[in-house]
């Protein structure tokens, strides 16, 4: 399901702890956004992303089983 960052920030969870966006249960979502900043941290990388509705930090932890991208 495609959604905006604002929808994610306003999302709720049901009694089972599952994500609800616009009162619909969502297990996967897709964002179309721009990366505004990148910050390397000790455990991975933080990306500040923005989509015109809001911004959020997306954190990526490296998969130790995958080699570096070339």
Protein backbone atom coordinates (compact mmCIF):
# COMPACT_ATOMS: atom_id res chain seq x y z
CA UNK A 1 0.00 0.00 0.00
CA UNK A 2 1.29 3.47 -0.84
CA UNK A 3 1.04 6.05 1.93
CA UNK A 4 2.46 9.39 3.00
CA UNK A 5 4.76 10.11 5.92
CA UNK A 6 1.97 12.11 7.54
CA UNK A 7 -0.32 9.07 7.35
CA UNK A 8 2.38 7.00 9.07
CA UNK A 9 2.81 9.61 11.80
CA UNK A 10 -0.95 9.67 12.38
CA UNK A 11 -1.32 5.87 12.25
CA UNK A 12 -2.62 3.83 15.15
CA UNK A 13 -2.36 0.21 16.20
CA UNK A 14 -5.18 -2.24 16.84
CA UNK A 15 -5.62 -4.41 19.94
CA UNK A 16 -3.20 -6.95 18.45
CA UNK A 17 -0.51 -4.27 17.95
CA UNK A 18 -0.86 -4.23 14.16
CA UNK A 19 -0.44 -1.03 12.16
CA UNK A 20 -3.61 0.78 11.07
CA UNK A 21 -3.50 3.48 8.39
CA UNK A 22 -6.83 5.18 7.70
CA UNK A 23 -8.43 2.45 9.88
CA UNK A 24 -7.12 -0.33 7.60
CA UNK A 25 -4.63 -2.93 8.79
CA UNK A 26 -1.34 -2.63 6.91
CA UNK A 27 1.57 -5.07 7.01
CA UNK A 28 3.65 -3.45 4.26
CA UNK A 29 3.74 0.06 2.86
CA UNK A 30 5.58 2.05 0.23
CA UNK A 31 6.83 5.63 0.49
CA UNK A 32 7.84 7.85 -2.40
CA UNK A 33 10.13 10.46 -0.89
CA UNK A 34 13.34 12.46 -1.22
CA UNK A 35 16.43 11.83 0.88
CA UNK A 36 17.38 15.16 2.47
CA UNK A 37 20.28 14.05 4.70
CA UNK A 38 22.37 10.96 5.42
CA UNK A 39 24.12 10.29 8.72
CA UNK A 40 26.37 7.31 9.41
CA UNK A 41 25.90 5.94 12.93
CA UNK A 42 27.71 3.16 14.76
CA UNK A 43 24.99 0.60 14.00
CA UNK A 44 24.04 1.63 10.46
CA UNK A 45 22.76 4.68 8.59
CA UNK A 46 20.03 7.25 9.28
CA UNK A 47 18.24 8.88 6.34
CA UNK A 48 16.15 12.03 6.74
CA UNK A 49 13.40 11.60 4.13
CA UNK A 50 10.63 14.01 3.11
CA UNK A 51 7.59 13.61 0.87
CA UNK A 52 5.87 17.01 0.90
CA UNK A 53 3.54 16.07 3.77
CA UNK A 54 6.18 15.67 6.50
CA UNK A 55 9.63 14.24 7.18
CA UNK A 56 10.89 11.25 9.13
CA UNK A 57 14.17 9.51 9.92
CA UNK A 58 14.50 6.10 8.29
CA UNK A 59 17.13 3.90 9.92
CA UNK A 60 18.93 1.16 8.01
CA UNK A 61 20.92 -1.57 9.73
CA UNK A 62 23.40 -3.43 7.51
CA UNK A 63 22.85 -7.10 6.81
CA UNK A 64 26.05 -8.81 7.91
CA UNK A 65 25.35 -11.67 5.47
CA UNK A 66 25.45 -9.35 2.44
CA UNK A 67 28.69 -7.93 1.08
CA UNK A 68 29.19 -4.26 0.15
CA UNK A 69 27.39 -2.86 -2.89
CA UNK A 70 29.68 -2.30 -5.86
